[in-house]
Amino acid sequence: MKKIILDFGSLSIDADLYDSHAANTLYESLPRTISLEQWGNELYGPVGVELDNGKSSRPKLVSEIPPGGIAYSKRGNYLCIFFGQKPAWEVEEIGRIRNTQWRELAGQSRLTRVTIRSAE
Protein backbone atom coordinates (compact mmCIF):
# COMPACT_ATOMS: atom_id res chain seq x y z
CA MET A 1 0.00 0.00 0.00
CA LYS A 2 1.08 3.54 -0.70
CA LYS A 3 0.66 6.13 2.04
CA ILE A 4 -1.05 9.41 1.16
CA ILE A 5 -2.35 12.51 2.89
CA LEU A 6 -5.77 13.99 2.16
CA ASP A 7 -5.38 17.70 2.90
CA PHE A 8 -8.71 19.54 3.11
CA GLY A 9 -7.09 22.79 4.26
CA SER A 10 -8.52 22.86 7.78
CA LEU A 11 -8.07 19.11 8.20
CA SER A 12 -5.49 16.52 7.10
CA ILE A 13 -6.20 12.80 7.09
CA ASP A 14 -3.85 9.84 6.57
CA ALA A 15 -4.86 7.18 4.06
CA ASP A 16 -3.50 4.29 2.02
CA LEU A 17 -3.95 3.44 -1.63
CA TYR A 18 -4.24 -0.22 -2.61
CA ASP A 19 -2.11 -1.90 -5.25
CA SER A 20 -4.39 -1.56 -8.28
CA HIS A 21 -4.01 0.05 -11.68
CA ALA A 22 -6.32 2.97 -10.83
CA ALA A 23 -4.71 3.57 -7.42
CA ASN A 24 -1.19 3.41 -8.87
CA THR A 25 -2.12 5.81 -11.68
CA LEU A 26 -3.54 8.25 -9.14
CA TYR A 27 -0.43 7.95 -6.97
CA GLU A 28 1.87 8.63 -9.94
CA SER A 29 -0.07 11.86 -10.66
CA LEU A 30 0.37 13.29 -7.13
CA PRO A 31 0.19 15.93 -5.83
CA ARG A 32 -3.31 16.53 -7.16
CA THR A 33 -6.00 18.99 -6.05
CA ILE A 34 -9.62 17.99 -6.61
CA SER A 35 -12.69 20.23 -6.30
CA LEU A 36 -15.30 18.45 -4.20
CA GLU A 37 -19.07 18.16 -3.98
CA GLN A 38 -20.84 16.56 -1.05
CA TRP A 39 -23.69 14.06 -1.31
CA GLY A 40 -24.80 12.89 2.12
CA ASN A 41 -21.75 11.33 3.74
CA GLU A 42 -19.69 11.22 0.57
CA LEU A 43 -17.30 13.70 -0.98
CA TYR A 44 -16.59 13.36 -4.68
CA GLY A 45 -14.98 15.28 -7.50
CA PRO A 46 -13.40 14.89 -10.93
CA VAL A 47 -9.94 13.38 -10.70
CA GLY A 48 -8.57 15.29 -13.69
CA VAL A 49 -6.55 12.30 -14.92
CA GLU A 50 -7.85 9.08 -16.49
CA LEU A 51 -7.34 6.32 -13.91
CA ASP A 52 -8.77 3.54 -16.06
CA ASN A 53 -7.14 3.72 -19.46
CA GLY A 54 -8.13 0.19 -20.46
CA LYS A 55 -4.68 -1.26 -19.71
CA SER A 56 -5.69 -2.85 -16.44
CA SER A 57 -7.54 -6.06 -15.94
CA ARG A 58 -11.23 -5.58 -15.35
CA PRO A 59 -11.55 -3.69 -12.04
CA LYS A 60 -13.73 -5.16 -9.30
CA LEU A 61 -16.76 -2.89 -8.98
CA VAL A 62 -18.69 -2.86 -5.72
CA SER A 63 -21.98 -1.36 -4.60
CA GLU A 64 -20.99 -1.04 -0.93
CA ILE A 65 -18.03 0.91 0.46
CA PRO A 66 -17.30 0.91 4.19
CA PRO A 67 -16.88 4.26 5.96
CA GLY A 68 -13.38 5.52 5.25
CA GLY A 69 -13.27 3.94 1.80
CA ILE A 70 -11.74 5.79 -1.14
CA ALA A 71 -13.10 4.84 -4.54
CA TYR A 72 -12.84 5.64 -8.22
CA SER A 73 -15.88 5.97 -10.44
CA LYS A 74 -15.24 5.73 -14.14
CA ARG A 75 -18.70 7.28 -14.59
CA GLY A 76 -17.80 10.95 -14.22
CA ASN A 77 -14.10 10.14 -13.65
CA TYR A 78 -14.65 10.83 -9.94
CA LEU A 79 -12.62 10.23 -6.85
CA CYS A 80 -15.05 9.42 -4.02
CA ILE A 81 -14.42 9.54 -0.28
CA PHE A 82 -17.03 7.70 1.77
CA PHE A 83 -17.80 8.31 5.43
CA GLY A 84 -21.18 6.63 5.78
CA GLN A 85 -22.87 6.95 2.37
CA LYS A 86 -23.70 4.11 0.00
CA PRO A 87 -22.49 4.71 -3.58
CA ALA A 88 -25.13 5.80 -6.09
CA TRP A 89 -23.67 3.23 -8.51
CA GLU A 90 -20.90 0.64 -8.49
CA VAL A 91 -17.38 1.98 -7.94
CA GLU A 92 -13.86 0.58 -7.62
CA GLU A 93 -12.48 0.79 -4.08
CA ILE A 94 -8.88 2.01 -4.41
CA GLY A 95 -7.92 2.95 -0.86
CA ARG A 96 -8.83 3.53 2.72
CA ILE A 97 -8.58 6.27 5.33
CA ARG A 98 -6.52 5.00 8.26
CA ASN A 99 -8.11 4.01 11.54
CA THR A 100 -11.26 6.01 12.27
CA GLN A 101 -10.04 9.37 10.95
CA TRP A 102 -12.97 9.32 8.48
CA ARG A 103 -15.23 10.28 11.38
CA GLU A 104 -13.68 13.76 11.32
CA LEU A 105 -15.24 14.35 7.90
CA ALA A 106 -18.80 14.01 9.19
CA GLY A 107 -18.44 17.03 11.49
CA GLN A 108 -17.07 19.32 8.80
CA SER A 109 -19.10 21.69 6.70
CA ARG A 110 -18.28 22.82 3.21
CA LEU A 111 -15.22 20.77 2.36
CA THR A 112 -14.84 22.02 -1.20
CA ARG A 113 -11.40 20.75 -2.17
CA VAL A 114 -8.77 18.22 -1.25
CA THR A 115 -5.10 18.10 -2.14
CA ILE A 116 -3.79 14.56 -2.22
CA ARG A 117 -0.08 14.08 -1.77
CA SER A 118 2.32 11.28 -1.05
CA ALA A 119 3.19 10.71 2.62
CA GLU A 120 6.28 8.69 1.67
C-alpha atoms as a PDB file:
ATOM      1  CA  MET A   1       0.000   0.000   0.000  1.00  0.00           C
ATOM      2  CA  LYS A   2       1.077   3.541  -0.703  1.00  0.00           C
ATOM      3  CA  LYS A   3       0.659   6.131   2.041  1.00  0.00           C
ATOM      4  CA  ILE A   4      -1.051   9.406   1.158  1.00  0.00           C
ATOM      5  CA  ILE A   5      -2.346  12.514   2.895  1.00  0.00           C
ATOM      6  CA  LEU A   6      -5.771  13.988   2.157  1.00  0.00           C
ATOM      7  CA  ASP A   7      -5.384  17.704   2.895  1.00  0.00           C
ATOM      8  CA  PHE A   8      -8.709  19.542   3.106  1.00  0.00           C
ATOM      9  CA  GLY A   9      -7.092  22.793   4.258  1.00  0.00           C
ATOM     10  CA  SER A  10      -8.525  22.863   7.776  1.00  0.00           C
ATOM     11  CA  LEU A  11      -8.072  19.109   8.197  1.00  0.00           C
ATOM     12  CA  SER A  12      -5.486  16.523   7.101  1.00  0.00           C
ATOM     13  CA  ILE A  13      -6.197  12.800   7.091  1.00  0.00           C
ATOM     14  CA  ASP A  14      -3.854   9.839   6.572  1.00  0.00           C
ATOM     15  CA  ALA A  15      -4.859   7.183   4.057  1.00  0.00           C
ATOM     16  CA  ASP A  16      -3.496   4.291   2.023  1.00  0.00           C
ATOM     17  CA  LEU A  17      -3.947   3.444  -1.633  1.00  0.00           C
ATOM     18  CA  TYR A  18      -4.244  -0.221  -2.611  1.00  0.00           C
ATOM     19  CA  ASP A  19      -2.107  -1.895  -5.247  1.00  0.00           C
ATOM     20  CA  SER A  20      -4.387  -1.556  -8.280  1.00  0.00           C
ATOM     21  CA  HIS A  21      -4.007   0.054 -11.675  1.00  0.00           C
ATOM     22  CA  ALA A  22      -6.320   2.966 -10.833  1.00  0.00           C
ATOM     23  CA  ALA A  23      -4.708   3.570  -7.418  1.00  0.00           C
ATOM     24  CA  ASN A  24      -1.195   3.411  -8.869  1.00  0.00           C
ATOM     25  CA  THR A  25      -2.115   5.813 -11.680  1.00  0.00           C
ATOM     26  CA  LEU A  26      -3.537   8.254  -9.137  1.00  0.00           C
ATOM     27  CA  TYR A  27      -0.427   7.945  -6.966  1.00  0.00           C
ATOM     28  CA  GLU A  28       1.867   8.633  -9.938  1.00  0.00           C
ATOM     29  CA  SER A  29      -0.065  11.865 -10.657  1.00  0.00           C
ATOM     30  CA  LEU A  30       0.374  13.292  -7.134  1.00  0.00           C
ATOM     31  CA  PRO A  31       0.188  15.927  -5.828  1.00  0.00           C
ATOM     32  CA  ARG A  32      -3.312  16.533  -7.162  1.00  0.00           C
ATOM     33  CA  THR A  33      -5.997  18.990  -6.050  1.00  0.00           C
ATOM     34  CA  ILE A  34      -9.622  17.993  -6.606  1.00  0.00           C
ATOM     35  CA  SER A  35     -12.695  20.225  -6.297  1.00  0.00           C
ATOM     36  CA  LEU A  36     -15.304  18.453  -4.195  1.00  0.00           C
ATOM     37  CA  GLU A  37     -19.073  18.160  -3.982  1.00  0.00           C
ATOM     38  CA  GLN A  38     -20.844  16.556  -1.054  1.00  0.00           C
ATOM     39  CA  TRP A  39     -23.688  14.058  -1.305  1.00  0.00           C
ATOM     40  CA  GLY A  40     -24.804  12.890   2.116  1.00  0.00           C
ATOM     41  CA  ASN A  41     -21.755  11.331   3.744  1.00  0.00           C
ATOM     42  CA  GLU A  42     -19.689  11.224   0.573  1.00  0.00           C
ATOM     43  CA  LEU A  43     -17.295  13.700  -0.979  1.00  0.00           C
ATOM     44  CA  TYR A  44     -16.587  13.358  -4.678  1.00  0.00           C
ATOM     45  CA  GLY A  45     -14.985  15.276  -7.503  1.00  0.00           C
ATOM     46  CA  PRO A  46     -13.399  14.895 -10.931  1.00  0.00           C
ATOM     47  CA  VAL A  47      -9.936  13.380 -10.702  1.00  0.00           C
ATOM     48  CA  GLY A  48      -8.566  15.293 -13.691  1.00  0.00           C
ATOM     49  CA  VAL A  49      -6.553  12.303 -14.925  1.00  0.00           C
ATOM     50  CA  GLU A  50      -7.849   9.082 -16.495  1.00  0.00           C
ATOM     51  CA  LEU A  51      -7.342   6.325 -13.914  1.00  0.00           C
ATOM     52  CA  ASP A  52      -8.769   3.539 -16.055  1.00  0.00           C
ATOM     53  CA  ASN A  53      -7.141   3.715 -19.456  1.00  0.00           C
ATOM     54  CA  GLY A  54      -8.128   0.190 -20.462  1.00  0.00           C
ATOM     55  CA  LYS A  55      -4.676  -1.255 -19.713  1.00  0.00           C
ATOM     56  CA  SER A  56      -5.691  -2.849 -16.439  1.00  0.00           C
ATOM     57  CA  SER A  57      -7.538  -6.065 -15.936  1.00  0.00           C
ATOM     58  CA  ARG A  58     -11.233  -5.584 -15.354  1.00  0.00           C
ATOM     59  CA  PRO A  59     -11.551  -3.689 -12.036  1.00  0.00           C
ATOM     60  CA  LYS A  60     -13.726  -5.159  -9.297  1.00  0.00           C
ATOM     61  CA  LEU A  61     -16.761  -2.892  -8.985  1.00  0.00           C
ATOM     62  CA  VAL A  62     -18.692  -2.865  -5.723  1.00  0.00           C
ATOM     63  CA  SER A  63     -21.980  -1.364  -4.598  1.00  0.00           C
ATOM     64  CA  GLU A  64     -20.991  -1.039  -0.925  1.00  0.00           C
ATOM     65  CA  ILE A  65     -18.030   0.905   0.457  1.00  0.00           C
ATOM     66  CA  PRO A  66     -17.297   0.907   4.187  1.00  0.00           C
ATOM     67  CA  PRO A  67     -16.882   4.260   5.955  1.00  0.00           C
ATOM     68  CA  GLY A  68     -13.378   5.518   5.246  1.00  0.00           C
ATOM     69  CA  GLY A  69     -13.268   3.939   1.802  1.00  0.00           C
ATOM     70  CA  ILE A  70     -11.740   5.789  -1.135  1.00  0.00           C
ATOM     71  CA  ALA A  71     -13.101   4.843  -4.536  1.00  0.00           C
ATOM     72  CA  TYR A  72     -12.836   5.642  -8.217  1.00  0.00           C
ATOM     73  CA  SER A  73     -15.885   5.968 -10.436  1.00  0.00           C
ATOM     74  CA  LYS A  74     -15.240   5.728 -14.143  1.00  0.00           C
ATOM     75  CA  ARG A  75     -18.700   7.280 -14.590  1.00  0.00           C
ATOM     76  CA  GLY A  76     -17.805  10.952 -14.219  1.00  0.00           C
ATOM     77  CA  ASN A  77     -14.104  10.142 -13.652  1.00  0.00           C
ATOM     78  CA  TYR A  78     -14.655  10.834  -9.941  1.00  0.00           C
ATOM     79  CA  LEU A  79     -12.618  10.227  -6.853  1.00  0.00           C
ATOM     80  CA  CYS A  80     -15.046   9.417  -4.022  1.00  0.00           C
ATOM     81  CA  ILE A  81     -14.421   9.535  -0.283  1.00  0.00           C
ATOM     82  CA  PHE A  82     -17.026   7.696   1.765  1.00  0.00           C
ATOM     83  CA  PHE A  83     -17.798   8.310   5.425  1.00  0.00           C
ATOM     84  CA  GLY A  84     -21.175   6.626   5.775  1.00  0.00           C
ATOM     85  CA  GLN A  85     -22.870   6.955   2.372  1.00  0.00           C
ATOM     86  CA  LYS A  86     -23.701   4.106   0.001  1.00  0.00           C
ATOM     87  CA  PRO A  87     -22.487   4.713  -3.575  1.00  0.00           C
ATOM     88  CA  ALA A  88     -25.128   5.803  -6.088  1.00  0.00           C
ATOM     89  CA  TRP A  89     -23.673   3.227  -8.508  1.00  0.00           C
ATOM     90  CA  GLU A  90     -20.898   0.643  -8.485  1.00  0.00           C
ATOM     91  CA  VAL A  91     -17.382   1.977  -7.944  1.00  0.00           C
ATOM     92  CA  GLU A  92     -13.861   0.579  -7.621  1.00  0.00           C
ATOM     93  CA  GLU A  93     -12.478   0.788  -4.085  1.00  0.00           C
ATOM     94  CA  ILE A  94      -8.877   2.012  -4.410  1.00  0.00           C
ATOM     95  CA  GLY A  95      -7.919   2.953  -0.861  1.00  0.00           C
ATOM     96  CA  ARG A  96      -8.825   3.526   2.723  1.00  0.00           C
ATOM     97  CA  ILE A  97      -8.577   6.271   5.332  1.00  0.00           C
ATOM     98  CA  ARG A  98      -6.521   5.004   8.256  1.00  0.00           C
ATOM     99  CA  ASN A  99      -8.114   4.014  11.535  1.00  0.00           C
ATOM    100  CA  THR A 100     -11.261   6.013  12.269  1.00  0.00           C
ATOM    101  CA  GLN A 101     -10.038   9.372  10.948  1.00  0.00           C
ATOM    102  CA  TRP A 102     -12.966   9.322   8.482  1.00  0.00           C
ATOM    103  CA  ARG A 103     -15.229  10.284  11.382  1.00  0.00           C
ATOM    104  CA  GLU A 104     -13.677  13.763  11.323  1.00  0.00           C
ATOM    105  CA  LEU A 105     -15.239  14.353   7.897  1.00  0.00           C
ATOM    106  CA  ALA A 106     -18.802  14.007   9.194  1.00  0.00           C
ATOM    107  CA  GLY A 107     -18.443  17.025  11.489  1.00  0.00           C
ATOM    108  CA  GLN A 108     -17.068  19.322   8.796  1.00  0.00           C
ATOM    109  CA  SER A 109     -19.102  21.686   6.702  1.00  0.00           C
ATOM    110  CA  ARG A 110     -18.281  22.823   3.214  1.00  0.00           C
ATOM    111  CA  LEU A 111     -15.223  20.769   2.360  1.00  0.00           C
ATOM    112  CA  THR A 112     -14.844  22.018  -1.205  1.00  0.00           C
ATOM    113  CA  ARG A 113     -11.396  20.752  -2.167  1.00  0.00           C
ATOM    114  CA  VAL A 114      -8.768  18.222  -1.252  1.00  0.00           C
ATOM    115  CA  THR A 115      -5.097  18.104  -2.138  1.00  0.00           C
ATOM    116  CA  ILE A 116      -3.791  14.563  -2.224  1.00  0.00           C
ATOM    117  CA  ARG A 117      -0.078  14.083  -1.771  1.00  0.00           C
ATOM    118  CA  SER A 118       2.318  11.280  -1.053  1.00  0.00           C
ATOM    119  CA  ALA A 119       3.193  10.706   2.619  1.00  0.00           C
ATOM    120  CA  GLU A 120       6.278   8.693   1.668  1.00  0.00           C
END
